[in-house]
């Protein structure tokens, strides 16, 4: 678990985190896009006045996707993935076509 801020970086939907090296040996990804909560893991509601704990999915990005996201934004990249039928669970997937 992490607070909404880690080492000066605000962890919120739409943010990206770059580790500067492959996420795992042989991975084509060096960064992740932080997606919105409410996916496979529901938010954990806490008693008032506490805010709920939000579980934010991390979606691996190739270097080209990360660069494109910096210019066009997270929503545009997610739309590219959706329109291209990108399987974000594929650990060896290629970058989504970004020239269209």
PDB file of N, CA and C in Angstrom:
ATOM      1  N   UNK A   1       0.842  -1.176   0.000  1.00  0.00           N
ATOM      2  CA  UNK A   1       0.000   0.000   0.000  1.00  0.00           C
ATOM      3  C   UNK A   1       0.883   1.234   0.000  1.00  0.00           C
ATOM      4  N   UNK A   2       0.352   2.311  -0.512  1.00  0.00           N
ATOM      5  CA  UNK A   2       1.097   3.566  -0.542  1.00  0.00           C
ATOM      6  C   UNK A   2       0.137   4.709  -0.315  1.00  0.00           C
ATOM      7  N   UNK A   3       0.671   5.772   0.252  1.00  0.00           N
ATOM      8  CA  UNK A   3      -0.135   6.978   0.381  1.00  0.00           C
ATOM      9  C   UNK A   3      -0.274   7.586  -1.006  1.00  0.00           C
ATOM     10  N   UNK A   4      -1.133   8.580  -1.186  1.00  0.00           N
ATOM     11  CA  UNK A   4      -1.293   9.188  -2.510  1.00  0.00           C
ATOM     12  C   UNK A   4      -0.030   9.861  -3.033  1.00  0.00           C
ATOM     13  N   UNK A   5       0.996   9.971  -2.208  1.00  0.00           N
ATOM     14  CA  UNK A   5       2.230  10.601  -2.661  1.00  0.00           C
ATOM     15  C   UNK A   5       3.408   9.704  -2.288  1.00  0.00           C
ATOM     16  N   UNK A   6       4.216   9.360  -3.282  1.00  0.00           N
ATOM     17  CA  UNK A   6       5.388   8.517  -3.077  1.00  0.00           C
ATOM     18  C   UNK A   6       6.595   9.230  -3.650  1.00  0.00           C
ATOM     19  N   UNK A   7       7.560   9.555  -2.811  1.00  0.00           N
ATOM     20  CA  UNK A   7       8.788  10.226  -3.236  1.00  0.00           C
ATOM     21  C   UNK A   7       8.493  11.460  -4.090  1.00  0.00           C
ATOM     22  N   UNK A   8       7.516  12.244  -3.682  1.00  0.00           N
ATOM     23  CA  UNK A   8       7.212  13.490  -4.377  1.00  0.00           C
ATOM     24  C   UNK A   8       6.337  13.339  -5.600  1.00  0.00           C
ATOM     25  N   UNK A   9       5.949  12.122  -5.964  1.00  0.00           N
ATOM     26  CA  UNK A   9       5.096  11.882  -7.125  1.00  0.00           C
ATOM     27  C   UNK A   9       3.688  11.597  -6.632  1.00  0.00           C
ATOM     28  N   UNK A  10       2.719  12.329  -7.136  1.00  0.00           N
ATOM     29  CA  UNK A  10       1.334  12.077  -6.775  1.00  0.00           C
ATOM     30  C   UNK A  10       0.846  10.882  -7.580  1.00  0.00           C
ATOM     31  N   UNK A  11       0.397   9.844  -6.874  1.00  0.00           N
ATOM     32  CA  UNK A  11      -0.102   8.641  -7.530  1.00  0.00           C
ATOM     33  C   UNK A  11      -1.611   8.782  -7.672  1.00  0.00           C
ATOM     34  N   UNK A  12      -2.043   9.063  -8.886  1.00  0.00           N
ATOM     35  CA  UNK A  12      -3.463   9.261  -9.170  1.00  0.00           C
ATOM     36  C   UNK A  12      -3.739   8.773 -10.586  1.00  0.00           C
ATOM     37  N   UNK A  13      -4.993   8.501 -10.872  1.00  0.00           N
ATOM     38  CA  UNK A  13      -5.367   8.071 -12.214  1.00  0.00           C
ATOM     39  C   UNK A  13      -4.856   9.077 -13.242  1.00  0.00           C
ATOM     40  N   UNK A  14      -4.246   8.556 -14.302  1.00  0.00           N
ATOM     41  CA  UNK A  14      -3.708   9.394 -15.362  1.00  0.00           C
ATOM     42  C   UNK A  14      -2.223   9.676 -15.226  1.00  0.00           C
ATOM     43  N   UNK A  15      -1.677   9.421 -14.041  1.00  0.00           N
ATOM     44  CA  UNK A  15      -0.239   9.631 -13.830  1.00  0.00           C
ATOM     45  C   UNK A  15       0.532   8.476 -14.461  1.00  0.00           C
ATOM     46  N   UNK A  16       1.802   8.706 -14.691  1.00  0.00           N
ATOM     47  CA  UNK A  16       2.652   7.620 -15.152  1.00  0.00           C
ATOM     48  C   UNK A  16       3.886   7.553 -14.264  1.00  0.00           C
ATOM     49  N   UNK A  17       4.391   6.349 -14.107  1.00  0.00           N
ATOM     50  CA  UNK A  17       5.573   6.105 -13.296  1.00  0.00           C
ATOM     51  C   UNK A  17       6.575   5.364 -14.169  1.00  0.00           C
ATOM     52  N   UNK A  18       7.794   5.872 -14.275  1.00  0.00           N
ATOM     53  CA  UNK A  18       8.831   5.261 -15.093  1.00  0.00           C
ATOM     54  C   UNK A  18       9.937   4.769 -14.181  1.00  0.00           C
ATOM     55  N   UNK A  19      10.294   3.490 -14.319  1.00  0.00           N
ATOM     56  CA  UNK A  19      11.344   2.930 -13.479  1.00  0.00           C
ATOM     57  C   UNK A  19      12.705   2.966 -14.164  1.00  0.00           C
ATOM     58  N   UNK A  20      12.756   3.332 -15.455  1.00  0.00           N
ATOM     59  CA  UNK A  20      14.014   3.499 -16.155  1.00  0.00           C
ATOM     60  C   UNK A  20      14.670   2.210 -16.614  1.00  0.00           C
ATOM     61  N   UNK A  21      14.028   1.096 -16.400  1.00  0.00           N
ATOM     62  CA  UNK A  21      14.537  -0.202 -16.853  1.00  0.00           C
ATOM     63  C   UNK A  21      13.337  -1.113 -17.040  1.00  0.00           C
ATOM     64  N   UNK A  22      13.502  -2.246 -17.729  1.00  0.00           N
ATOM     65  CA  UNK A  22      12.357  -3.138 -17.933  1.00  0.00           C
ATOM     66  C   UNK A  22      11.680  -3.500 -16.613  1.00  0.00           C
ATOM     67  N   UNK A  23      10.364  -3.575 -16.637  1.00  0.00           N
ATOM     68  CA  UNK A  23       9.606  -3.894 -15.426  1.00  0.00           C
ATOM     69  C   UNK A  23       9.912  -5.293 -14.911  1.00  0.00           C
ATOM     70  N   UNK A  24      10.307  -6.200 -15.803  1.00  0.00           N
ATOM     71  CA  UNK A  24      10.763  -7.540 -15.453  1.00  0.00           C
ATOM     72  C   UNK A  24      11.722  -7.971 -16.558  1.00  0.00           C
ATOM     73  N   UNK A  25      12.532  -8.987 -16.340  1.00  0.00           N
ATOM     74  CA  UNK A  25      13.512  -9.393 -17.357  1.00  0.00           C
ATOM     75  C   UNK A  25      12.852  -9.671 -18.712  1.00  0.00           C
ATOM     76  N   UNK A  26      13.350  -9.009 -19.746  1.00  0.00           N
ATOM     77  CA  UNK A  26      12.837  -9.196 -21.099  1.00  0.00           C
ATOM     78  C   UNK A  26      11.585  -8.413 -21.432  1.00  0.00           C
ATOM     79  N   UNK A  27      11.062  -7.649 -20.497  1.00  0.00           N
ATOM     80  CA  UNK A  27       9.823  -6.894 -20.727  1.00  0.00           C
ATOM     81  C   UNK A  27      10.071  -5.732 -21.675  1.00  0.00           C
ATOM     82  N   UNK A  28       9.113  -5.445 -22.579  1.00  0.00           N
ATOM     83  CA  UNK A  28       9.229  -4.280 -23.447  1.00  0.00           C
ATOM     84  C   UNK A  28       8.730  -2.998 -22.775  1.00  0.00           C
ATOM     85  N   UNK A  29       8.429  -3.061 -21.491  1.00  0.00           N
ATOM     86  CA  UNK A  29       7.836  -1.935 -20.761  1.00  0.00           C
ATOM     87  C   UNK A  29       8.801  -1.406 -19.704  1.00  0.00           C
ATOM     88  N   UNK A  30       8.893  -0.079 -19.618  1.00  0.00           N
ATOM     89  CA  UNK A  30       9.721   0.537 -18.576  1.00  0.00           C
ATOM     90  C   UNK A  30       8.895   1.454 -17.676  1.00  0.00           C
ATOM     91  N   UNK A  31       7.623   1.617 -17.998  1.00  0.00           N
ATOM     92  CA  UNK A  31       6.777   2.496 -17.204  1.00  0.00           C
ATOM     93  C   UNK A  31       5.356   1.951 -17.164  1.00  0.00           C
ATOM     94  N   UNK A  32       4.552   2.555 -16.300  1.00  0.00           N
ATOM     95  CA  UNK A  32       3.153   2.163 -16.170  1.00  0.00           C
ATOM     96  C   UNK A  32       2.269   3.404 -16.180  1.00  0.00           C
ATOM     97  N   UNK A  33       1.060   3.213 -16.650  1.00  0.00           N
ATOM     98  CA  UNK A  33       0.020   4.233 -16.566  1.00  0.00           C
ATOM     99  C   UNK A  33      -0.859   3.863 -15.391  1.00  0.00           C
ATOM    100  N   UNK A  34      -1.114   4.805 -14.505  1.00  0.00           N
ATOM    101  CA  UNK A  34      -1.998   4.572 -13.367  1.00  0.00           C
ATOM    102  C   UNK A  34      -3.433   4.773 -13.857  1.00  0.00           C
ATOM    103  N   UNK A  35      -4.222   3.707 -13.792  1.00  0.00           N
ATOM    104  CA  UNK A  35      -5.614   3.760 -14.253  1.00  0.00           C
ATOM    105  C   UNK A  35      -6.522   4.125 -13.082  1.00  0.00           C
ATOM    106  N   UNK A  36      -7.778   4.373 -13.398  1.00  0.00           N
ATOM    107  CA  UNK A  36      -8.759   4.735 -12.380  1.00  0.00           C
ATOM    108  C   UNK A  36      -9.187   3.544 -11.540  1.00  0.00           C
ATOM    109  N   UNK A  37      -9.655   3.813 -10.351  1.00  0.00           N
ATOM    110  CA  UNK A  37     -10.122   2.741  -9.460  1.00  0.00           C
ATOM    111  C   UNK A  37     -11.484   2.244  -9.933  1.00  0.00           C
ATOM    112  N   UNK A  38     -11.927   1.183  -9.293  1.00  0.00           N
ATOM    113  CA  UNK A  38     -13.245   0.648  -9.611  1.00  0.00           C
ATOM    114  C   UNK A  38     -13.201  -0.466 -10.631  1.00  0.00           C
ATOM    115  N   UNK A  39     -12.046  -1.017 -10.874  1.00  0.00           N
ATOM    116  CA  UNK A  39     -11.916  -2.116 -11.829  1.00  0.00           C
ATOM    117  C   UNK A  39     -12.177  -3.450 -11.152  1.00  0.00           C
ATOM    118  N   UNK A  40     -11.203  -4.328 -11.236  1.00  0.00           N
ATOM    119  CA  UNK A  40     -11.354  -5.665 -10.661  1.00  0.00           C
ATOM    120  C   UNK A  40     -11.388  -5.659  -9.147  1.00  0.00           C
ATOM    121  N   UNK A  41     -10.706  -4.686  -8.541  1.00  0.00           N
ATOM    122  CA  UNK A  41     -10.679  -4.597  -7.087  1.00  0.00           C
ATOM    123  C   UNK A  41     -11.456  -3.352  -6.668  1.00  0.00           C
ATOM    124  N   UNK A  42     -12.537  -3.575  -5.951  1.00  0.00           N
ATOM    125  CA  UNK A  42     -13.384  -2.457  -5.530  1.00  0.00           C
ATOM    126  C   UNK A  42     -12.686  -1.625  -4.460  1.00  0.00           C
ATOM    127  N   UNK A  43     -13.075  -0.344  -4.390  1.00  0.00           N
ATOM    128  CA  UNK A  43     -12.569   0.527  -3.334  1.00  0.00           C
ATOM    129  C   UNK A  43     -12.987  -0.032  -1.979  1.00  0.00           C
ATOM    130  N   UNK A  44     -12.163   0.196  -0.980  1.00  0.00           N
ATOM    131  CA  UNK A  44     -12.463  -0.250   0.380  1.00  0.00           C
ATOM    132  C   UNK A  44     -13.009   0.934   1.160  1.00  0.00           C
ATOM    133  N   UNK A  45     -14.290   0.888   1.459  1.00  0.00           N
ATOM    134  CA  UNK A  45     -14.930   1.967   2.193  1.00  0.00           C
ATOM    135  C   UNK A  45     -14.508   1.924   3.654  1.00  0.00           C
ATOM    136  N   UNK A  46     -14.211   3.083   4.209  1.00  0.00           N
ATOM    137  CA  UNK A  46     -13.832   3.206   5.608  1.00  0.00           C
ATOM    138  C   UNK A  46     -14.870   4.050   6.333  1.00  0.00           C
ATOM    139  N   UNK A  47     -14.869   3.973   7.644  1.00  0.00           N
ATOM    140  CA  UNK A  47     -15.807   4.768   8.438  1.00  0.00           C
ATOM    141  C   UNK A  47     -15.499   6.249   8.291  1.00  0.00           C
ATOM    142  N   UNK A  48     -16.548   7.066   8.318  1.00  0.00           N
ATOM    143  CA  UNK A  48     -16.367   8.525   8.286  1.00  0.00           C
ATOM    144  C   UNK A  48     -15.518   8.946   9.463  1.00  0.00           C
ATOM    145  N   UNK A  49     -14.677   9.887   9.319  1.00  0.00           N
ATOM    146  CA  UNK A  49     -14.470  10.816   8.203  1.00  0.00           C
ATOM    147  C   UNK A  49     -13.372  10.370   7.230  1.00  0.00           C
ATOM    148  N   UNK A  50     -12.973   9.099   7.266  1.00  0.00           N
ATOM    149  CA  UNK A  50     -11.880   8.624   6.434  1.00  0.00           C
ATOM    150  C   UNK A  50     -12.317   8.418   4.985  1.00  0.00           C
ATOM    151  N   UNK A  51     -11.430   8.748   4.066  1.00  0.00           N
ATOM    152  CA  UNK A  51     -11.679   8.487   2.649  1.00  0.00           C
ATOM    153  C   UNK A  51     -11.490   6.997   2.381  1.00  0.00           C
ATOM    154  N   UNK A  52     -12.134   6.488   1.335  1.00  0.00           N
ATOM    155  CA  UNK A  52     -11.944   5.074   1.012  1.00  0.00           C
ATOM    156  C   UNK A  52     -10.526   4.804   0.519  1.00  0.00           C
ATOM    157  N   UNK A  53     -10.098   3.561   0.657  1.00  0.00           N
ATOM    158  CA  UNK A  53      -8.831   3.122   0.075  1.00  0.00           C
ATOM    159  C   UNK A  53      -9.127   2.780  -1.381  1.00  0.00           C
ATOM    160  N   UNK A  54      -8.385   3.379  -2.292  1.00  0.00           N
ATOM    161  CA  UNK A  54      -8.601   3.147  -3.720  1.00  0.00           C
ATOM    162  C   UNK A  54      -7.463   2.288  -4.261  1.00  0.00           C
ATOM    163  N   UNK A  55      -7.832   1.257  -5.001  1.00  0.00           N
ATOM    164  CA  UNK A  55      -6.862   0.367  -5.615  1.00  0.00           C
ATOM    165  C   UNK A  55      -6.761   0.746  -7.092  1.00  0.00           C
ATOM    166  N   UNK A  56      -5.621   1.281  -7.473  1.00  0.00           N
ATOM    167  CA  UNK A  56      -5.432   1.798  -8.823  1.00  0.00           C
ATOM    168  C   UNK A  56      -4.619   0.812  -9.656  1.00  0.00           C
ATOM    169  N   UNK A  57      -5.187   0.308 -10.752  1.00  0.00           N
ATOM    170  CA  UNK A  57      -4.443  -0.614 -11.615  1.00  0.00           C
ATOM    171  C   UNK A  57      -3.259   0.089 -12.279  1.00  0.00           C
ATOM    172  N   UNK A  58      -2.184  -0.653 -12.492  1.00  0.00           N
ATOM    173  CA  UNK A  58      -1.013  -0.150 -13.201  1.00  0.00           C
ATOM    174  C   UNK A  58      -0.943  -0.862 -14.540  1.00  0.00           C
ATOM    175  N   UNK A  59      -0.980  -0.079 -15.628  1.00  0.00           N
ATOM    176  CA  UNK A  59      -0.996  -0.628 -16.978  1.00  0.00           C
ATOM    177  C   UNK A  59       0.366  -0.405 -17.625  1.00  0.00           C
ATOM    178  N   UNK A  60       1.113  -1.473 -17.934  1.00  0.00           N
ATOM    179  CA  UNK A  60       2.444  -1.322 -18.524  1.00  0.00           C
ATOM    180  C   UNK A  60       2.396  -0.572 -19.857  1.00  0.00           C
ATOM    181  N   UNK A  61       3.378   0.320 -20.038  1.00  0.00           N
ATOM    182  CA  UNK A  61       3.503   1.103 -21.283  1.00  0.00           C
ATOM    183  C   UNK A  61       4.882   0.899 -21.887  1.00  0.00           C
ATOM    184  N   UNK A  62       4.923   0.839 -23.215  1.00  0.00           N
ATOM    185  CA  UNK A  62       6.204   0.847 -23.906  1.00  0.00           C
ATOM    186  C   UNK A  62       6.758   2.272 -23.858  1.00  0.00           C
ATOM    187  N   UNK A  63       8.027   2.429 -24.215  1.00  0.00           N
ATOM    188  CA  UNK A  63       8.623   3.770 -24.229  1.00  0.00           C
ATOM    189  C   UNK A  63       7.892   4.683 -25.199  1.00  0.00           C
ATOM    190  N   UNK A  64       7.497   4.159 -26.374  1.00  0.00           N
ATOM    191  CA  UNK A  64       6.779   4.976 -27.358  1.00  0.00           C
ATOM    192  C   UNK A  64       5.411   5.398 -26.827  1.00  0.00           C
ATOM    193  N   UNK A  65       4.716   4.475 -26.170  1.00  0.00           N
ATOM    194  CA  UNK A  65       3.407   4.814 -25.604  1.00  0.00           C
ATOM    195  C   UNK A  65       3.546   5.866 -24.512  1.00  0.00           C
ATOM    196  N   UNK A  66       4.577   5.736 -23.674  1.00  0.00           N
ATOM    197  CA  UNK A  66       4.791   6.712 -22.601  1.00  0.00           C
ATOM    198  C   UNK A  66       5.071   8.098 -23.179  1.00  0.00           C
ATOM    199  N   UNK A  67       5.882   8.171 -24.233  1.00  0.00           N
ATOM    200  CA  UNK A  67       6.182   9.455 -24.870  1.00  0.00           C
ATOM    201  C   UNK A  67       4.918  10.036 -25.494  1.00  0.00           C
ATOM    202  N   UNK A  68       4.129   9.205 -26.151  1.00  0.00           N
ATOM    203  CA  UNK A  68       2.887   9.657 -26.793  1.00  0.00           C
ATOM    204  C   UNK A  68       1.905  10.148 -25.735  1.00  0.00           C
ATOM    205  N   UNK A  69       1.844   9.438 -24.600  1.00  0.00           N
ATOM    206  CA  UNK A  69       0.954   9.829 -23.498  1.00  0.00           C
ATOM    207  C   UNK A  69       1.333  11.200 -22.947  1.00  0.00           C
ATOM    208  N   UNK A  70       2.642  11.501 -22.867  1.00  0.00           N
ATOM    209  CA  UNK A  70       3.082  12.813 -22.361  1.00  0.00           C
ATOM    210  C   UNK A  70       2.579  13.946 -23.251  1.00  0.00           C
ATOM    211  N   UNK A  71       2.453  13.693 -24.535  1.00  0.00           N
ATOM    212  CA  UNK A  71       1.993  14.721 -25.481  1.00  0.00           C
ATOM    213  C   UNK A  71       0.468  14.788 -25.544  1.00  0.00           C
ATOM    214  N   UNK A  72      -0.190  13.628 -25.593  1.00  0.00           N
ATOM    215  CA  UNK A  72      -1.632  13.577 -25.862  1.00  0.00           C
ATOM    216  C   UNK A  72      -2.503  13.304 -24.642  1.00  0.00           C
ATOM    217  N   UNK A  73      -1.905  12.830 -23.551  1.00  0.00           N
ATOM    218  CA  UNK A  73      -2.665  12.576 -22.337  1.00  0.00           C
ATOM    219  C   UNK A  73      -3.058  11.123 -22.157  1.00  0.00           C
ATOM    220  N   UNK A  74      -3.362  10.791 -20.916  1.00  0.00           N
ATOM    221  CA  UNK A  74      -3.695   9.420 -20.542  1.00  0.00           C
ATOM    222  C   UNK A  74      -4.975   8.937 -21.216  1.00  0.00           C
ATOM    223  N   UNK A  75      -5.999   9.777 -21.264  1.00  0.00           N
ATOM    224  CA  UNK A  75      -7.278   9.362 -21.853  1.00  0.00           C
ATOM    225  C   UNK A  75      -7.110   9.015 -23.326  1.00  0.00           C
ATOM    226  N   UNK A  76      -6.285   9.768 -24.038  1.00  0.00           N
ATOM    227  CA  UNK A  76      -6.062   9.502 -25.461  1.00  0.00           C
ATOM    228  C   UNK A  76      -5.335   8.176 -25.650  1.00  0.00           C
ATOM    229  N   UNK A  77      -4.377   7.868 -24.770  1.00  0.00           N
ATOM    230  CA  UNK A  77      -3.679   6.592 -24.880  1.00  0.00           C
ATOM    231  C   UNK A  77      -4.621   5.438 -24.563  1.00  0.00           C
ATOM    232  N   UNK A  78      -5.413   5.580 -23.524  1.00  0.00           N
ATOM    233  CA  UNK A  78      -6.374   4.525 -23.186  1.00  0.00           C
ATOM    234  C   UNK A  78      -7.350   4.301 -24.339  1.00  0.00           C
ATOM    235  N   UNK A  79      -7.752   5.372 -25.016  1.00  0.00           N
ATOM    236  CA  UNK A  79      -8.644   5.252 -26.172  1.00  0.00           C
ATOM    237  C   UNK A  79      -7.944   4.504 -27.309  1.00  0.00           C
ATOM    238  N   UNK A  80      -6.656   4.808 -27.549  1.00  0.00           N
ATOM    239  CA  UNK A  80      -5.879   4.088 -28.567  1.00  0.00           C
ATOM    240  C   UNK A  80      -5.862   2.594 -28.256  1.00  0.00           C
ATOM    241  N   UNK A  81      -5.571   2.259 -26.987  1.00  0.00           N
ATOM    242  CA  UNK A  81      -5.548   0.856 -26.590  1.00  0.00           C
ATOM    243  C   UNK A  81      -6.896   0.199 -26.842  1.00  0.00           C
ATOM    244  N   UNK A  82      -7.963   0.874 -26.452  1.00  0.00           N
ATOM    245  CA  UNK A  82      -9.310   0.327 -26.606  1.00  0.00           C
ATOM    246  C   UNK A  82      -9.659   0.133 -28.078  1.00  0.00           C
ATOM    247  N   UNK A  83      -9.421   1.158 -28.894  1.00  0.00           N
ATOM    248  CA  UNK A  83      -9.752   1.088 -30.322  1.00  0.00           C
ATOM    249  C   UNK A  83      -8.917   0.062 -31.072  1.00  0.00           C
ATOM    250  N   UNK A  84      -7.730  -0.232 -30.575  1.00  0.00           N
ATOM    251  CA  UNK A  84      -6.854  -1.210 -31.222  1.00  0.00           C
ATOM    252  C   UNK A  84      -7.054  -2.621 -30.679  1.00  0.00           C
ATOM    253  N   UNK A  85      -7.913  -2.766 -29.679  1.00  0.00           N
ATOM    254  CA  UNK A  85      -8.145  -4.075 -29.081  1.00  0.00           C
ATOM    255  C   UNK A  85      -6.913  -4.609 -28.366  1.00  0.00           C
ATOM    256  N   UNK A  86      -6.130  -3.715 -27.782  1.00  0.00           N
ATOM    257  CA  UNK A  86      -4.879  -4.076 -27.123  1.00  0.00           C
ATOM    258  C   UNK A  86      -5.143  -4.929 -25.882  1.00  0.00           C
ATOM    259  N   UNK A  87      -4.447  -6.061 -25.787  1.00  0.00           N
ATOM    260  CA  UNK A  87      -4.544  -6.914 -24.613  1.00  0.00           C
ATOM    261  C   UNK A  87      -3.483  -6.454 -23.623  1.00  0.00           C
ATOM    262  N   UNK A  88      -3.867  -5.629 -22.676  1.00  0.00           N
ATOM    263  CA  UNK A  88      -2.929  -5.066 -21.710  1.00  0.00           C
ATOM    264  C   UNK A  88      -2.388  -6.110 -20.735  1.00  0.00           C
ATOM    265  N   UNK A  89      -2.947  -7.314 -20.757  1.00  0.00           N
ATOM    266  CA  UNK A  89      -2.450  -8.397 -19.898  1.00  0.00           C
ATOM    267  C   UNK A  89      -1.338  -9.195 -20.570  1.00  0.00           C
ATOM    268  N   UNK A  90      -1.090  -8.941 -21.865  1.00  0.00           N
ATOM    269  CA  UNK A  90      -0.060  -9.661 -22.604  1.00  0.00           C
ATOM    270  C   UNK A  90       1.311  -9.129 -22.202  1.00  0.00           C
ATOM    271  N   UNK A  91       2.134  -9.941 -21.519  1.00  0.00           N
ATOM    272  CA  UNK A  91       3.421  -9.442 -21.026  1.00  0.00           C
ATOM    273  C   UNK A  91       4.446  -9.151 -22.112  1.00  0.00           C
ATOM    274  N   UNK A  92       4.181  -9.577 -23.343  1.00  0.00           N
ATOM    275  CA  UNK A  92       5.121  -9.350 -24.440  1.00  0.00           C
ATOM    276  C   UNK A  92       4.505  -8.567 -25.589  1.00  0.00           C
ATOM    277  N   UNK A  93       3.383  -7.904 -25.337  1.00  0.00           N
ATOM    278  CA  UNK A  93       2.681  -7.206 -26.418  1.00  0.00           C
ATOM    279  C   UNK A  93       3.550  -6.097 -27.014  1.00  0.00           C
ATOM    280  N   UNK A  94       3.263  -5.781 -28.249  1.00  0.00           N
ATOM    281  CA  UNK A  94       3.955  -4.687 -28.951  1.00  0.00           C
ATOM    282  C   UNK A  94       3.235  -3.381 -28.641  1.00  0.00           C
ATOM    283  N   UNK A  95       3.897  -2.287 -28.943  1.00  0.00           N
ATOM    284  CA  UNK A  95       3.295  -0.959 -28.770  1.00  0.00           C
ATOM    285  C   UNK A  95       2.085  -0.834 -29.679  1.00  0.00           C
ATOM    286  N   UNK A  96       1.072  -0.148 -29.205  1.00  0.00           N
ATOM    287  CA  UNK A  96      -0.098   0.140 -30.017  1.00  0.00           C
ATOM    288  C   UNK A  96       0.313   1.073 -31.158  1.00  0.00           C
ATOM    289  N   UNK A  97      -0.252   0.947 -32.371  1.00  0.00           N
ATOM    290  CA  UNK A  97       0.080   1.882 -33.441  1.00  0.00           C
ATOM    291  C   UNK A  97      -0.298   3.319 -33.033  1.00  0.00           C
ATOM    292  N   UNK A  98       0.668   4.205 -33.090  1.00  0.00           N
ATOM    293  CA  UNK A  98       0.459   5.575 -32.597  1.00  0.00           C
ATOM    294  C   UNK A  98       0.432   6.618 -33.708  1.00  0.00           C
ATOM    295  N   UNK A  99       0.616   6.208 -34.953  1.00  0.00           N
ATOM    296  CA  UNK A  99       0.692   7.179 -36.049  1.00  0.00           C
ATOM    297  C   UNK A  99      -0.658   7.477 -36.672  1.00  0.00           C
ATOM    298  N   UNK A 100      -1.711   6.867 -36.202  1.00  0.00           N
ATOM    299  CA  UNK A 100      -3.027   7.076 -36.820  1.00  0.00           C
ATOM    300  C   UNK A 100      -3.810   8.137 -36.090  1.00  0.00           C
TER     301      UNK A 100
END
